[in-house]
Amino acid sequence: MTATDRTRDEAERAQSLLNDQIACIDAALAFMEQRKAVYQPGIYANLWAALNSHRDKALWYLDQPNHGGRTALGLMGINGRGPLLDQTIRSVDFHANRVRYVPPAFQKGIAA
């Protein structure tokens, strides 16, 4: 494999990774927007800011030559911001479902 082939491969992998991350972020933002009422305002603002920060960074790398190539794979992949993005998306689900839980002791008071 020549350096040109390696660079092309890294560019394709980086583009695929970044487009997948952007799609996941857009889905999480749409989910949050639909369920905005169940989030506490501070938590909603922090999750929204974290997701948009990662999305902006991914878009920035897509605009770079070779879609960021090796640098994008390192900084946005499993050794960089990738785990942070995964944790943030898990937090979106956690906080959406956490608010809906009503302890059994209070369920009778709500139903009455």
PDB file of N, CA and C in Angstrom:
ATOM      1  N   MET A   1       0.849  -1.164   0.000  1.00  0.00           N
ATOM      2  CA  MET A   1       0.000   0.000   0.000  1.00  0.00           C
ATOM      3  C   MET A   1       0.903   1.239   0.000  1.00  0.00           C
ATOM      4  N   THR A   2       0.651   2.115  -0.918  1.00  0.00           N
ATOM      5  CA  THR A   2       1.455   3.328  -1.027  1.00  0.00           C
ATOM      6  C   THR A   2       0.904   4.412  -0.099  1.00  0.00           C
ATOM      7  N   ALA A   3       1.656   5.470   0.049  1.00  0.00           N
ATOM      8  CA  ALA A   3       1.224   6.578   0.899  1.00  0.00           C
ATOM      9  C   ALA A   3      -0.056   7.212   0.361  1.00  0.00           C
ATOM     10  N   THR A   4      -0.182   7.259  -0.948  1.00  0.00           N
ATOM     11  CA  THR A   4      -1.386   7.822  -1.555  1.00  0.00           C
ATOM     12  C   THR A   4      -2.603   6.968  -1.236  1.00  0.00           C
ATOM     13  N   ASP A   5      -2.440   5.647  -1.344  1.00  0.00           N
ATOM     14  CA  ASP A   5      -3.544   4.742  -1.015  1.00  0.00           C
ATOM     15  C   ASP A   5      -3.923   4.863   0.460  1.00  0.00           C
ATOM     16  N   ARG A   6      -2.931   4.946   1.318  1.00  0.00           N
ATOM     17  CA  ARG A   6      -3.177   5.065   2.753  1.00  0.00           C
ATOM     18  C   ARG A   6      -3.914   6.367   3.062  1.00  0.00           C
ATOM     19  N   THR A   7      -3.501   7.445   2.430  1.00  0.00           N
ATOM     20  CA  THR A   7      -4.151   8.737   2.641  1.00  0.00           C
ATOM     21  C   THR A   7      -5.593   8.699   2.159  1.00  0.00           C
ATOM     22  N   ARG A   8      -5.819   8.076   1.000  1.00  0.00           N
ATOM     23  CA  ARG A   8      -7.175   7.957   0.462  1.00  0.00           C
ATOM     24  C   ARG A   8      -8.043   7.112   1.396  1.00  0.00           C
ATOM     25  N   ASP A   9      -7.483   6.009   1.896  1.00  0.00           N
ATOM     26  CA  ASP A   9      -8.214   5.138   2.815  1.00  0.00           C
ATOM     27  C   ASP A   9      -8.566   5.883   4.106  1.00  0.00           C
ATOM     28  N   GLU A  10      -7.611   6.621   4.641  1.00  0.00           N
ATOM     29  CA  GLU A  10      -7.866   7.391   5.860  1.00  0.00           C
ATOM     30  C   GLU A  10      -8.940   8.449   5.625  1.00  0.00           C
ATOM     31  N   ALA A  11      -8.918   9.076   4.459  1.00  0.00           N
ATOM     32  CA  ALA A  11      -9.923  10.087   4.140  1.00  0.00           C
ATOM     33  C   ALA A  11     -11.310   9.464   4.055  1.00  0.00           C
ATOM     34  N   GLU A  12     -11.423   8.290   3.433  1.00  0.00           N
ATOM     35  CA  GLU A  12     -12.715   7.615   3.323  1.00  0.00           C
ATOM     36  C   GLU A  12     -13.220   7.173   4.691  1.00  0.00           C
ATOM     37  N   ARG A  13     -12.330   6.624   5.508  1.00  0.00           N
ATOM     38  CA  ARG A  13     -12.724   6.192   6.847  1.00  0.00           C
ATOM     39  C   ARG A  13     -13.124   7.383   7.711  1.00  0.00           C
ATOM     40  N   ALA A  14     -12.391   8.479   7.594  1.00  0.00           N
ATOM     41  CA  ALA A  14     -12.716   9.682   8.364  1.00  0.00           C
ATOM     42  C   ALA A  14     -14.066  10.243   7.937  1.00  0.00           C
ATOM     43  N   GLN A  15     -14.303  10.288   6.629  1.00  0.00           N
ATOM     44  CA  GLN A  15     -15.584  10.802   6.143  1.00  0.00           C
ATOM     45  C   GLN A  15     -16.732   9.931   6.634  1.00  0.00           C
ATOM     46  N   SER A  16     -16.572   8.629   6.592  1.00  0.00           N
ATOM     47  CA  SER A  16     -17.609   7.719   7.065  1.00  0.00           C
ATOM     48  C   SER A  16     -17.859   7.903   8.563  1.00  0.00           C
ATOM     49  N   LEU A  17     -16.785   7.964   9.346  1.00  0.00           N
ATOM     50  CA  LEU A  17     -16.908   8.154  10.794  1.00  0.00           C
ATOM     51  C   LEU A  17     -17.621   9.459  11.115  1.00  0.00           C
ATOM     52  N   LEU A  18     -17.206  10.534  10.486  1.00  0.00           N
ATOM     53  CA  LEU A  18     -17.781  11.843  10.783  1.00  0.00           C
ATOM     54  C   LEU A  18     -19.240  11.928  10.351  1.00  0.00           C
ATOM     55  N   ASN A  19     -19.574  11.366   9.193  1.00  0.00           N
ATOM     56  CA  ASN A  19     -20.973  11.378   8.757  1.00  0.00           C
ATOM     57  C   ASN A  19     -21.847  10.537   9.680  1.00  0.00           C
ATOM     58  N   ASP A  20     -21.334   9.403  10.160  1.00  0.00           N
ATOM     59  CA  ASP A  20     -22.083   8.586  11.120  1.00  0.00           C
ATOM     60  C   ASP A  20     -22.297   9.341  12.427  1.00  0.00           C
ATOM     61  N   GLN A  21     -21.264  10.032  12.896  1.00  0.00           N
ATOM     62  CA  GLN A  21     -21.396  10.794  14.131  1.00  0.00           C
ATOM     63  C   GLN A  21     -22.404  11.926  13.976  1.00  0.00           C
ATOM     64  N   ILE A  22     -22.365  12.607  12.851  1.00  0.00           N
ATOM     65  CA  ILE A  22     -23.312  13.699  12.620  1.00  0.00           C
ATOM     66  C   ILE A  22     -24.742  13.165  12.576  1.00  0.00           C
ATOM     67  N   ALA A  23     -24.948  12.009  11.957  1.00  0.00           N
ATOM     68  CA  ALA A  23     -26.281  11.412  11.909  1.00  0.00           C
ATOM     69  C   ALA A  23     -26.770  11.052  13.315  1.00  0.00           C
ATOM     70  N   CYS A  24     -25.901  10.482  14.135  1.00  0.00           N
ATOM     71  CA  CYS A  24     -26.274  10.146  15.515  1.00  0.00           C
ATOM     72  C   CYS A  24     -26.601  11.401  16.317  1.00  0.00           C
ATOM     73  N   ILE A  25     -25.813  12.435  16.130  1.00  0.00           N
ATOM     74  CA  ILE A  25     -26.047  13.687  16.851  1.00  0.00           C
ATOM     75  C   ILE A  25     -27.369  14.306  16.418  1.00  0.00           C
ATOM     76  N   ASP A  26     -27.642  14.318  15.122  1.00  0.00           N
ATOM     77  CA  ASP A  26     -28.903  14.877  14.634  1.00  0.00           C
ATOM     78  C   ASP A  26     -30.096  14.105  15.182  1.00  0.00           C
ATOM     79  N   ALA A  27     -29.980  12.782  15.260  1.00  0.00           N
ATOM     80  CA  ALA A  27     -31.060  11.969  15.822  1.00  0.00           C
ATOM     81  C   ALA A  27     -31.258  12.287  17.302  1.00  0.00           C
ATOM     82  N   ALA A  28     -30.171  12.432  18.041  1.00  0.00           N
ATOM     83  CA  ALA A  28     -30.274  12.750  19.467  1.00  0.00           C
ATOM     84  C   ALA A  28     -30.881  14.138  19.676  1.00  0.00           C
ATOM     85  N   LEU A  29     -30.481  15.101  18.857  1.00  0.00           N
ATOM     86  CA  LEU A  29     -31.044  16.451  18.975  1.00  0.00           C
ATOM     87  C   LEU A  29     -32.534  16.463  18.634  1.00  0.00           C
ATOM     88  N   ALA A  30     -32.932  15.698  17.623  1.00  0.00           N
ATOM     89  CA  ALA A  30     -34.351  15.616  17.270  1.00  0.00           C
ATOM     90  C   ALA A  30     -35.148  14.960  18.394  1.00  0.00           C
ATOM     91  N   PHE A  31     -34.591  13.910  18.989  1.00  0.00           N
ATOM     92  CA  PHE A  31     -35.243  13.236  20.114  1.00  0.00           C
ATOM     93  C   PHE A  31     -35.400  14.202  21.284  1.00  0.00           C
ATOM     94  N   MET A  32     -34.351  14.962  21.569  1.00  0.00           N
ATOM     95  CA  MET A  32     -34.427  15.926  22.666  1.00  0.00           C
ATOM     96  C   MET A  32     -35.467  17.004  22.382  1.00  0.00           C
ATOM     97  N   GLU A  33     -35.539  17.455  21.151  1.00  0.00           N
ATOM     98  CA  GLU A  33     -36.500  18.499  20.799  1.00  0.00           C
ATOM     99  C   GLU A  33     -37.934  18.000  20.965  1.00  0.00           C
ATOM    100  N   GLN A  34     -38.178  16.741  20.584  1.00  0.00           N
ATOM    101  CA  GLN A  34     -39.518  16.170  20.735  1.00  0.00           C
ATOM    102  C   GLN A  34     -39.910  16.035  22.200  1.00  0.00           C
ATOM    103  N   ARG A  35     -38.950  15.753  23.050  1.00  0.00           N
ATOM    104  CA  ARG A  35     -39.222  15.479  24.454  1.00  0.00           C
ATOM    105  C   ARG A  35     -38.686  16.589  25.360  1.00  0.00           C
ATOM    106  N   LYS A  36     -38.641  17.786  24.867  1.00  0.00           N
ATOM    107  CA  LYS A  36     -38.043  18.898  25.607  1.00  0.00           C
ATOM    108  C   LYS A  36     -38.704  19.108  26.967  1.00  0.00           C
ATOM    109  N   ALA A  37     -39.976  18.824  27.078  1.00  0.00           N
ATOM    110  CA  ALA A  37     -40.707  19.067  28.320  1.00  0.00           C
ATOM    111  C   ALA A  37     -40.243  18.177  29.469  1.00  0.00           C
ATOM    112  N   VAL A  38     -39.661  17.022  29.188  1.00  0.00           N
ATOM    113  CA  VAL A  38     -39.268  16.117  30.273  1.00  0.00           C
ATOM    114  C   VAL A  38     -37.864  16.396  30.796  1.00  0.00           C
ATOM    115  N   TYR A  39     -37.111  17.239  30.127  1.00  0.00           N
ATOM    116  CA  TYR A  39     -35.751  17.559  30.571  1.00  0.00           C
ATOM    117  C   TYR A  39     -35.776  18.757  31.510  1.00  0.00           C
ATOM    118  N   GLN A  40     -34.925  18.721  32.513  1.00  0.00           N
ATOM    119  CA  GLN A  40     -34.723  19.912  33.322  1.00  0.00           C
ATOM    120  C   GLN A  40     -33.976  20.921  32.444  1.00  0.00           C
ATOM    121  N   PRO A  41     -34.295  22.203  32.564  1.00  0.00           N
ATOM    122  CA  PRO A  41     -33.707  23.194  31.649  1.00  0.00           C
ATOM    123  C   PRO A  41     -32.178  23.202  31.621  1.00  0.00           C
ATOM    124  N   GLY A  42     -31.534  23.088  32.756  1.00  0.00           N
ATOM    125  CA  GLY A  42     -30.070  23.100  32.787  1.00  0.00           C
ATOM    126  C   GLY A  42     -29.470  21.878  32.121  1.00  0.00           C
ATOM    127  N   ILE A  43     -30.077  20.722  32.352  1.00  0.00           N
ATOM    128  CA  ILE A  43     -29.593  19.487  31.734  1.00  0.00           C
ATOM    129  C   ILE A  43     -29.798  19.548  30.227  1.00  0.00           C
ATOM    130  N   TYR A  44     -30.958  20.045  29.803  1.00  0.00           N
ATOM    131  CA  TYR A  44     -31.233  20.173  28.370  1.00  0.00           C
ATOM    132  C   TYR A  44     -30.192  21.079  27.710  1.00  0.00           C
ATOM    133  N   ALA A  45     -29.913  22.212  28.340  1.00  0.00           N
ATOM    134  CA  ALA A  45     -28.955  23.163  27.765  1.00  0.00           C
ATOM    135  C   ALA A  45     -27.556  22.556  27.676  1.00  0.00           C
ATOM    136  N   ASN A  46     -27.144  21.834  28.710  1.00  0.00           N
ATOM    137  CA  ASN A  46     -25.810  21.230  28.698  1.00  0.00           C
ATOM    138  C   ASN A  46     -25.693  20.130  27.650  1.00  0.00           C
ATOM    139  N   LEU A  47     -26.698  19.267  27.547  1.00  0.00           N
ATOM    140  CA  LEU A  47     -26.667  18.207  26.537  1.00  0.00           C
ATOM    141  C   LEU A  47     -26.689  18.805  25.131  1.00  0.00           C
ATOM    142  N   TRP A  48     -27.535  19.811  24.934  1.00  0.00           N
ATOM    143  CA  TRP A  48     -27.626  20.457  23.624  1.00  0.00           C
ATOM    144  C   TRP A  48     -26.280  21.071  23.241  1.00  0.00           C
ATOM    145  N   ALA A  49     -25.635  21.744  24.193  1.00  0.00           N
ATOM    146  CA  ALA A  49     -24.342  22.377  23.920  1.00  0.00           C
ATOM    147  C   ALA A  49     -23.267  21.334  23.621  1.00  0.00           C
ATOM    148  N   ALA A  50     -23.256  20.240  24.371  1.00  0.00           N
ATOM    149  CA  ALA A  50     -22.247  19.195  24.151  1.00  0.00           C
ATOM    150  C   ALA A  50     -22.419  18.546  22.781  1.00  0.00           C
ATOM    151  N   LEU A  51     -23.663  18.254  22.410  1.00  0.00           N
ATOM    152  CA  LEU A  51     -23.912  17.629  21.107  1.00  0.00           C
ATOM    153  C   LEU A  51     -23.565  18.584  19.965  1.00  0.00           C
ATOM    154  N   ASN A  52     -23.934  19.834  20.095  1.00  0.00           N
ATOM    155  CA  ASN A  52     -23.627  20.794  19.030  1.00  0.00           C
ATOM    156  C   ASN A  52     -22.139  21.085  18.934  1.00  0.00           C
ATOM    157  N   SER A  53     -21.440  21.055  20.045  1.00  0.00           N
ATOM    158  CA  SER A  53     -19.992  21.243  20.017  1.00  0.00           C
ATOM    159  C   SER A  53     -19.322  20.117  19.234  1.00  0.00           C
ATOM    160  N   HIS A  54     -19.752  18.891  19.507  1.00  0.00           N
ATOM    161  CA  HIS A  54     -19.176  17.749  18.795  1.00  0.00           C
ATOM    162  C   HIS A  54     -19.552  17.796  17.308  1.00  0.00           C
ATOM    163  N   ARG A  55     -20.795  18.195  17.036  1.00  0.00           N
ATOM    164  CA  ARG A  55     -21.245  18.280  15.636  1.00  0.00           C
ATOM    165  C   ARG A  55     -20.442  19.337  14.873  1.00  0.00           C
ATOM    166  N   ASP A  56     -20.217  20.475  15.504  1.00  0.00           N
ATOM    167  CA  ASP A  56     -19.432  21.530  14.859  1.00  0.00           C
ATOM    168  C   ASP A  56     -18.005  21.069  14.578  1.00  0.00           C
ATOM    169  N   LYS A  57     -17.425  20.324  15.511  1.00  0.00           N
ATOM    170  CA  LYS A  57     -16.061  19.823  15.313  1.00  0.00           C
ATOM    171  C   LYS A  57     -16.041  18.812  14.159  1.00  0.00           C
ATOM    172  N   ALA A  58     -17.053  17.953  14.078  1.00  0.00           N
ATOM    173  CA  ALA A  58     -17.115  16.981  12.985  1.00  0.00           C
ATOM    174  C   ALA A  58     -17.261  17.692  11.639  1.00  0.00           C
ATOM    175  N   LEU A  59     -18.106  18.715  11.589  1.00  0.00           N
ATOM    176  CA  LEU A  59     -18.262  19.475  10.345  1.00  0.00           C
ATOM    177  C   LEU A  59     -16.965  20.183   9.972  1.00  0.00           C
ATOM    178  N   TRP A  60     -16.239  20.673  10.968  1.00  0.00           N
ATOM    179  CA  TRP A  60     -14.966  21.333  10.692  1.00  0.00           C
ATOM    180  C   TRP A  60     -13.988  20.353  10.063  1.00  0.00           C
ATOM    181  N   TYR A  61     -13.912  19.130  10.599  1.00  0.00           N
ATOM    182  CA  TYR A  61     -13.003  18.135  10.031  1.00  0.00           C
ATOM    183  C   TYR A  61     -13.420  17.743   8.612  1.00  0.00           C
ATOM    184  N   LEU A  62     -14.731  17.687   8.346  1.00  0.00           N
ATOM    185  CA  LEU A  62     -15.184  17.351   6.993  1.00  0.00           C
ATOM    186  C   LEU A  62     -14.744  18.402   5.978  1.00  0.00           C
ATOM    187  N   ASP A  63     -14.591  19.640   6.417  1.00  0.00           N
ATOM    188  CA  ASP A  63     -14.158  20.707   5.514  1.00  0.00           C
ATOM    189  C   ASP A  63     -12.657  20.703   5.260  1.00  0.00           C
ATOM    190  N   GLN A  64     -11.906  19.948   6.035  1.00  0.00           N
ATOM    191  CA  GLN A  64     -10.452  19.906   5.890  1.00  0.00           C
ATOM    192  C   GLN A  64     -10.054  19.030   4.700  1.00  0.00           C
ATOM    193  N   PRO A  65      -8.844  19.223   4.187  1.00  0.00           N
ATOM    194  CA  PRO A  65      -8.367  18.331   3.120  1.00  0.00           C
ATOM    195  C   PRO A  65      -8.362  16.881   3.607  1.00  0.00           C
ATOM    196  N   ASN A  66      -8.771  15.974   2.760  1.00  0.00           N
ATOM    197  CA  ASN A  66      -8.880  14.548   3.084  1.00  0.00           C
ATOM    198  C   ASN A  66      -9.843  14.294   4.241  1.00  0.00           C
ATOM    199  N   HIS A  67     -10.763  15.202   4.493  1.00  0.00           N
ATOM    200  CA  HIS A  67     -11.737  15.077   5.581  1.00  0.00           C
ATOM    201  C   HIS A  67     -11.046  14.885   6.923  1.00  0.00           C
ATOM    202  N   GLY A  68      -9.916  15.477   7.097  1.00  0.00           N
ATOM    203  CA  GLY A  68      -9.174  15.366   8.341  1.00  0.00           C
ATOM    204  C   GLY A  68      -8.246  14.177   8.385  1.00  0.00           C
ATOM    205  N   GLY A  69      -8.541  13.145   7.609  1.00  0.00           N
ATOM    206  CA  GLY A  69      -7.680  11.968   7.519  1.00  0.00           C
ATOM    207  C   GLY A  69      -7.319  11.367   8.854  1.00  0.00           C
ATOM    208  N   ARG A  70      -6.043  11.114   9.036  1.00  0.00           N
ATOM    209  CA  ARG A  70      -5.546  10.459  10.246  1.00  0.00           C
ATOM    210  C   ARG A  70      -5.865  11.277  11.500  1.00  0.00           C
ATOM    211  N   THR A  71      -5.792  12.589  11.411  1.00  0.00           N
ATOM    212  CA  THR A  71      -6.073  13.440  12.572  1.00  0.00           C
ATOM    213  C   THR A  71      -7.527  13.303  13.000  1.00  0.00           C
ATOM    214  N   ALA A  72      -8.446  13.319  12.049  1.00  0.00           N
ATOM    215  CA  ALA A  72      -9.864  13.178  12.380  1.00  0.00           C
ATOM    216  C   ALA A  72     -10.149  11.817  12.989  1.00  0.00           C
ATOM    217  N   LEU A  73      -9.534  10.774  12.448  1.00  0.00           N
ATOM    218  CA  LEU A  73      -9.748   9.436  13.003  1.00  0.00           C
ATOM    219  C   LEU A  73      -9.251   9.361  14.445  1.00  0.00           C
ATOM    220  N   GLY A  74      -8.129   9.996  14.719  1.00  0.00           N
ATOM    221  CA  GLY A  74      -7.577   9.952  16.065  1.00  0.00           C
ATOM    222  C   GLY A  74      -8.349  10.798  17.056  1.00  0.00           C
ATOM    223  N   LEU A  75      -8.694  12.012  16.664  1.00  0.00           N
ATOM    224  CA  LEU A  75      -9.330  12.924  17.607  1.00  0.00           C
ATOM    225  C   LEU A  75     -10.834  12.728  17.733  1.00  0.00           C
ATOM    226  N   MET A  76     -11.467  12.155  16.727  1.00  0.00           N
ATOM    227  CA  MET A  76     -12.916  11.971  16.781  1.00  0.00           C
ATOM    228  C   MET A  76     -13.306  10.505  16.956  1.00  0.00           C
ATOM    229  N   GLY A  77     -12.359   9.614  16.896  1.00  0.00           N
ATOM    230  CA  GLY A  77     -12.634   8.180  16.991  1.00  0.00           C
ATOM    231  C   GLY A  77     -12.581   7.668  18.418  1.00  0.00           C
ATOM    232  N   ILE A  78     -12.234   6.377  18.553  1.00  0.00           N
ATOM    233  CA  ILE A  78     -12.301   5.727  19.861  1.00  0.00           C
ATOM    234  C   ILE A  78     -11.233   6.216  20.829  1.00  0.00           C
ATOM    235  N   ASN A  79     -10.192   6.841  20.344  1.00  0.00           N
ATOM    236  CA  ASN A  79      -9.154   7.361  21.235  1.00  0.00           C
ATOM    237  C   ASN A  79      -9.308   8.852  21.499  1.00  0.00           C
ATOM    238  N   GLY A  80     -10.352   9.457  20.982  1.00  0.00           N
ATOM    239  CA  GLY A  80     -10.537  10.898  21.141  1.00  0.00           C
ATOM    240  C   GLY A  80     -11.907  11.221  21.703  1.00  0.00           C
ATOM    241  N   ARG A  81     -12.689  11.954  20.917  1.00  0.00           N
ATOM    242  CA  ARG A  81     -14.000  12.411  21.375  1.00  0.00           C
ATOM    243  C   ARG A  81     -15.106  11.383  21.175  1.00  0.00           C
ATOM    244  N   GLY A  82     -14.826  10.274  20.538  1.00  0.00           N
ATOM    245  CA  GLY A  82     -15.847   9.255  20.293  1.00  0.00           C
ATOM    246  C   GLY A  82     -16.529   8.745  21.550  1.00  0.00           C
ATOM    247  N   PRO A  83     -15.772   8.319  22.573  1.00  0.00           N
ATOM    248  CA  PRO A  83     -16.414   7.854  23.805  1.00  0.00           C
ATOM    249  C   PRO A  83     -17.228   8.950  24.500  1.00  0.00           C
ATOM    250  N   LEU A  84     -16.766  10.189  24.416  1.00  0.00           N
ATOM    251  CA  LEU A  84     -17.518  11.297  25.004  1.00  0.00           C
ATOM    252  C   LEU A  84     -18.856  11.470  24.288  1.00  0.00           C
ATOM    253  N   LEU A  85     -18.856  11.340  22.978  1.00  0.00           N
ATOM    254  CA  LEU A  85     -20.107  11.427  22.227  1.00  0.00           C
ATOM    255  C   LEU A  85     -21.040  10.287  22.614  1.00  0.00           C
ATOM    256  N   ASP A  86     -20.517   9.075  22.715  1.00  0.00           N
ATOM    257  CA  ASP A  86     -21.346   7.933  23.112  1.00  0.00           C
ATOM    258  C   ASP A  86     -21.963   8.159  24.489  1.00  0.00           C
ATOM    259  N   GLN A  87     -21.184   8.656  25.429  1.00  0.00           N
ATOM    260  CA  GLN A  87     -21.689   8.923  26.775  1.00  0.00           C
ATOM    261  C   GLN A  87     -22.741  10.026  26.759  1.00  0.00           C
ATOM    262  N   THR A  88     -22.543  11.037  25.949  1.00  0.00           N
ATOM    263  CA  THR A  88     -23.517  12.127  25.863  1.00  0.00           C
ATOM    264  C   THR A  88     -24.833  11.626  25.290  1.00  0.00           C
ATOM    265  N   ILE A  89     -24.777  10.772  24.279  1.00  0.00           N
ATOM    266  CA  ILE A  89     -26.009  10.227  23.697  1.00  0.00           C
ATOM    267  C   ILE A  89     -26.706   9.310  24.701  1.00  0.00           C
ATOM    268  N   ARG A  90     -25.943   8.534  25.473  1.00  0.00           N
ATOM    269  CA  ARG A  90     -26.558   7.722  26.533  1.00  0.00           C
ATOM    270  C   ARG A  90     -27.215   8.622  27.579  1.00  0.00           C
ATOM    271  N   SER A  91     -26.621   9.767  27.859  1.00  0.00           N
ATOM    272  CA  SER A  91     -27.196  10.705  28.820  1.00  0.00           C
ATOM    273  C   SER A  91     -28.508  11.292  28.312  1.00  0.00           C
ATOM    274  N   VAL A  92     -28.611  11.497  27.005  1.00  0.00           N
ATOM    275  CA  VAL A  92     -29.861  11.987  26.419  1.00  0.00           C
ATOM    276  C   VAL A  92     -30.988  11.008  26.738  1.00  0.00           C
ATOM    277  N   ASP A  93     -30.761   9.720  26.523  1.00  0.00           N
ATOM    278  CA  ASP A  93     -31.774   8.709  26.830  1.00  0.00           C
ATOM    279  C   ASP A  93     -32.024   8.614  28.330  1.00  0.00           C
ATOM    280  N   PHE A  94     -30.966   8.626  29.121  1.00  0.00           N
ATOM    281  CA  PHE A  94     -31.104   8.496  30.569  1.00  0.00           C
ATOM    282  C   PHE A  94     -31.972   9.607  31.136  1.00  0.00           C
ATOM    283  N   HIS A  95     -31.693  10.842  30.769  1.00  0.00           N
ATOM    284  CA  HIS A  95     -32.439  11.962  31.336  1.00  0.00           C
ATOM    285  C   HIS A  95     -33.861  12.035  30.793  1.00  0.00           C
ATOM    286  N   ALA A  96     -34.091  11.559  29.592  1.00  0.00           N
ATOM    287  CA  ALA A  96     -35.457  11.534  29.061  1.00  0.00           C
ATOM    288  C   ALA A  96     -36.301  10.515  29.813  1.00  0.00           C
ATOM    289  N   ASN A  97     -35.726   9.380  30.168  1.00  0.00           N
ATOM    290  CA  ASN A  97     -36.471   8.331  30.861  1.00  0.00           C
ATOM    291  C   ASN A  97     -36.496   8.532  32.366  1.00  0.00           C
ATOM    292  N   ARG A  98     -35.525   9.212  32.913  1.00  0.00           N
ATOM    293  CA  ARG A  98     -35.443   9.403  34.356  1.00  0.00           C
ATOM    294  C   ARG A  98     -36.599  10.237  34.873  1.00  0.00           C
ATOM    295  N   VAL A  99     -37.014  11.221  34.140  1.00  0.00           N
ATOM    296  CA  VAL A  99     -38.034  12.142  34.611  1.00  0.00           C
ATOM    297  C   VAL A  99     -39.401  11.478  34.650  1.00  0.00           C
ATOM    298  N   ARG A 100     -39.620  10.497  33.814  1.00  0.00           N
ATOM    299  CA  ARG A 100     -40.934   9.868  33.742  1.00  0.00           C
ATOM    300  C   ARG A 100     -41.223   8.937  34.909  1.00  0.00           C
ATOM    301  N   TYR A 101     -40.197   8.520  35.654  1.00  0.00           N
ATOM    302  CA  TYR A 101     -40.404   7.574  36.738  1.00  0.00           C
ATOM    303  C   TYR A 101     -41.117   8.257  37.900  1.00  0.00           C
ATOM    304  N   VAL A 102     -42.209   7.627  38.369  1.00  0.00           N
ATOM    305  CA  VAL A 102     -42.933   8.104  39.539  1.00  0.00           C
ATOM    306  C   VAL A 102     -42.895   6.985  40.569  1.00  0.00           C
ATOM    307  N   PRO A 103     -42.369   7.241  41.757  1.00  0.00           N
ATOM    308  CA  PRO A 103     -42.319   6.191  42.777  1.00  0.00           C
ATOM    309  C   PRO A 103     -43.715   5.669  43.086  1.00  0.00           C
ATOM    310  N   PRO A 104     -43.830   4.385  43.409  1.00  0.00           N
ATOM    311  CA  PRO A 104     -45.151   3.803  43.675  1.00  0.00           C
ATOM    312  C   PRO A 104     -45.920   4.530  44.772  1.00  0.00           C
ATOM    313  N   ALA A 105     -45.247   5.062  45.759  1.00  0.00           N
ATOM    314  CA  ALA A 105     -45.938   5.754  46.847  1.00  0.00           C
ATOM    315  C   ALA A 105     -46.686   6.989  46.344  1.00  0.00           C
ATOM    316  N   PHE A 106     -46.217   7.592  45.290  1.00  0.00           N
ATOM    317  CA  PHE A 106     -46.855   8.793  44.763  1.00  0.00           C
ATOM    318  C   PHE A 106     -47.853   8.501  43.651  1.00  0.00           C
ATOM    319  N   GLN A 107     -47.874   7.293  43.125  1.00  0.00           N
ATOM    320  CA  GLN A 107     -48.766   6.981  42.013  1.00  0.00           C
ATOM    321  C   GLN A 107     -50.226   7.062  42.425  1.00  0.00           C
ATOM    322  N   LYS A 108     -50.564   6.664  43.644  1.00  0.00           N
ATOM    323  CA  LYS A 108     -51.952   6.732  44.105  1.00  0.00           C
ATOM    324  C   LYS A 108     -52.401   8.184  44.230  1.00  0.00           C
ATOM    325  N   GLY A 109     -51.504   9.037  44.701  1.00  0.00           N
ATOM    326  CA  GLY A 109     -51.851  10.445  44.853  1.00  0.00           C
ATOM    327  C   GLY A 109     -52.075  11.125  43.514  1.00  0.00           C
ATOM    328  N   ILE A 110     -51.353  10.706  42.504  1.00  0.00           N
ATOM    329  CA  ILE A 110     -51.504  11.300  41.179  1.00  0.00           C
ATOM    330  C   ILE A 110     -52.788  10.818  40.518  1.00  0.00           C
ATOM    331  N   ALA A 111     -53.095   9.526  40.685  1.00  0.00           N
ATOM    332  CA  ALA A 111     -54.271   8.950  40.036  1.00  0.00           C
ATOM    333  C   ALA A 111     -55.555   9.438  40.683  1.00  0.00           C
ATOM    334  N   ALA A 112     -55.525   9.799  41.942  1.00  0.00           N
ATOM    335  CA  ALA A 112     -56.748  10.179  42.661  1.00  0.00           C
ATOM    336  C   ALA A 112     -57.227  11.550  42.307  1.00  0.00           C
TER     337      ALA A 112
END
